[in-house]
Amino acid sequence: MENKLISMNDLVDMFGVSRSTMAVWVDEEKFPKSIRIGERTRRWKESEVIEWMEERRDSNSNDVIEN
């Protein structure tokens, strides 16, 4: 799989949540680590995000991400 880097806007679109919810997930380390590519710019590896989504989907736990 290609290691495409995706932005916060891409994540918001992918998950259908607000930027503030996404920021909470990231800040609380409930989400894959980002890569800083500038002073105020960070990106996520698409492959890691997809893997994280699949793990959550396949999990039998009742864990819920709350904002």
C-alpha atoms as a PDB file:
ATOM      1  CA  MET A   1       0.000   0.000   0.000  1.00  0.00           C
ATOM      2  CA  GLU A   2       1.229   3.456  -0.864  1.00  0.00           C
ATOM      3  CA  ASN A   3       2.198   5.670   2.089  1.00  0.00           C
ATOM      4  CA  LYS A   4       0.045   8.611   1.094  1.00  0.00           C
ATOM      5  CA  LEU A   5      -0.041  11.461   3.609  1.00  0.00           C
ATOM      6  CA  ILE A   6      -3.441  12.909   4.425  1.00  0.00           C
ATOM      7  CA  SER A   7      -4.446  16.184   6.053  1.00  0.00           C
ATOM      8  CA  MET A   8      -6.802  17.071   8.892  1.00  0.00           C
ATOM      9  CA  ASN A   9      -9.380  18.087   6.285  1.00  0.00           C
ATOM     10  CA  ASP A  10      -9.080  14.644   4.689  1.00  0.00           C
ATOM     11  CA  LEU A  11      -9.645  13.028   8.094  1.00  0.00           C
ATOM     12  CA  VAL A  12     -12.691  15.201   8.791  1.00  0.00           C
ATOM     13  CA  ASP A  13     -14.177  14.150   5.449  1.00  0.00           C
ATOM     14  CA  MET A  14     -13.234  10.495   5.977  1.00  0.00           C
ATOM     15  CA  PHE A  15     -14.846  10.234   9.419  1.00  0.00           C
ATOM     16  CA  GLY A  16     -17.680  12.734   9.012  1.00  0.00           C
ATOM     17  CA  VAL A  17     -16.795  14.540  12.241  1.00  0.00           C
ATOM     18  CA  SER A  18     -15.862  18.125  13.029  1.00  0.00           C
ATOM     19  CA  ARG A  19     -12.294  19.412  13.129  1.00  0.00           C
ATOM     20  CA  SER A  20     -12.649  19.914  16.875  1.00  0.00           C
ATOM     21  CA  THR A  21     -13.680  16.270  17.415  1.00  0.00           C
ATOM     22  CA  MET A  22     -10.792  15.097  15.265  1.00  0.00           C
ATOM     23  CA  ALA A  23      -8.417  17.343  17.232  1.00  0.00           C
ATOM     24  CA  VAL A  24      -9.645  15.836  20.512  1.00  0.00           C
ATOM     25  CA  TRP A  25      -9.024  12.304  19.225  1.00  0.00           C
ATOM     26  CA  VAL A  26      -5.516  13.285  18.125  1.00  0.00           C
ATOM     27  CA  ASP A  27      -4.697  15.201  21.326  1.00  0.00           C
ATOM     28  CA  GLU A  28      -5.927  12.375  23.549  1.00  0.00           C
ATOM     29  CA  GLU A  29      -3.797   9.898  21.583  1.00  0.00           C
ATOM     30  CA  LYS A  30      -6.856   7.921  20.500  1.00  0.00           C
ATOM     31  CA  PHE A  31      -5.602   8.161  16.953  1.00  0.00           C
ATOM     32  CA  PRO A  32      -2.405   7.317  15.021  1.00  0.00           C
ATOM     33  CA  LYS A  33       0.504   9.709  15.481  1.00  0.00           C
ATOM     34  CA  SER A  34       0.903  12.514  12.989  1.00  0.00           C
ATOM     35  CA  ILE A  35       4.010  13.555  11.096  1.00  0.00           C
ATOM     36  CA  ARG A  36       5.016  17.210  11.319  1.00  0.00           C
ATOM     37  CA  ILE A  37       5.966  18.540   7.923  1.00  0.00           C
ATOM     38  CA  GLY A  38       6.123  22.192   8.911  1.00  0.00           C
ATOM     39  CA  GLU A  39       5.750  24.485  11.871  1.00  0.00           C
ATOM     40  CA  ARG A  40       1.947  24.331  11.754  1.00  0.00           C
ATOM     41  CA  THR A  41       1.349  21.441   9.391  1.00  0.00           C
ATOM     42  CA  ARG A  42       0.903  17.794  10.185  1.00  0.00           C
ATOM     43  CA  ARG A  43      -0.132  14.821   8.132  1.00  0.00           C
ATOM     44  CA  TRP A  44      -1.100  11.232   8.834  1.00  0.00           C
ATOM     45  CA  LYS A  45      -0.117   8.105   6.959  1.00  0.00           C
ATOM     46  CA  GLU A  46      -3.252   6.942   5.197  1.00  0.00           C
ATOM     47  CA  SER A  47      -2.243   3.299   5.712  1.00  0.00           C
ATOM     48  CA  GLU A  48      -2.055   3.794   9.510  1.00  0.00           C
ATOM     49  CA  VAL A  49      -5.420   5.552   9.592  1.00  0.00           C
ATOM     50  CA  ILE A  50      -7.058   2.765   7.584  1.00  0.00           C
ATOM     51  CA  GLU A  51      -5.456   0.133   9.818  1.00  0.00           C
ATOM     52  CA  TRP A  52      -6.751   1.985  12.908  1.00  0.00           C
ATOM     53  CA  MET A  53     -10.259   2.130  11.417  1.00  0.00           C
ATOM     54  CA  GLU A  54     -10.221  -1.570  10.592  1.00  0.00           C
ATOM     55  CA  GLU A  55      -9.006  -2.508  14.078  1.00  0.00           C
ATOM     56  CA  ARG A  56     -11.834  -0.516  15.635  1.00  0.00           C
ATOM     57  CA  ARG A  57     -14.387  -1.975  13.234  1.00  0.00           C
ATOM     58  CA  ASP A  58     -13.220  -5.517  13.845  1.00  0.00           C
ATOM     59  CA  SER A  59     -12.978  -5.093  17.605  1.00  0.00           C
ATOM     60  CA  ASN A  60     -15.606  -6.858  19.661  1.00  0.00           C
ATOM     61  CA  SER A  61     -15.241  -4.347  22.459  1.00  0.00           C
ATOM     62  CA  ASN A  62     -17.841  -1.757  23.267  1.00  0.00           C
ATOM     63  CA  ASP A  63     -15.285   1.029  23.446  1.00  0.00           C
ATOM     64  CA  VAL A  64     -16.654   4.273  22.113  1.00  0.00           C
ATOM     65  CA  ILE A  65     -14.643   7.319  21.230  1.00  0.00           C
ATOM     66  CA  GLU A  66     -16.220  10.286  22.923  1.00  0.00           C
ATOM     67  CA  ASN A  67     -15.386  13.908  22.347  1.00  0.00           C
END
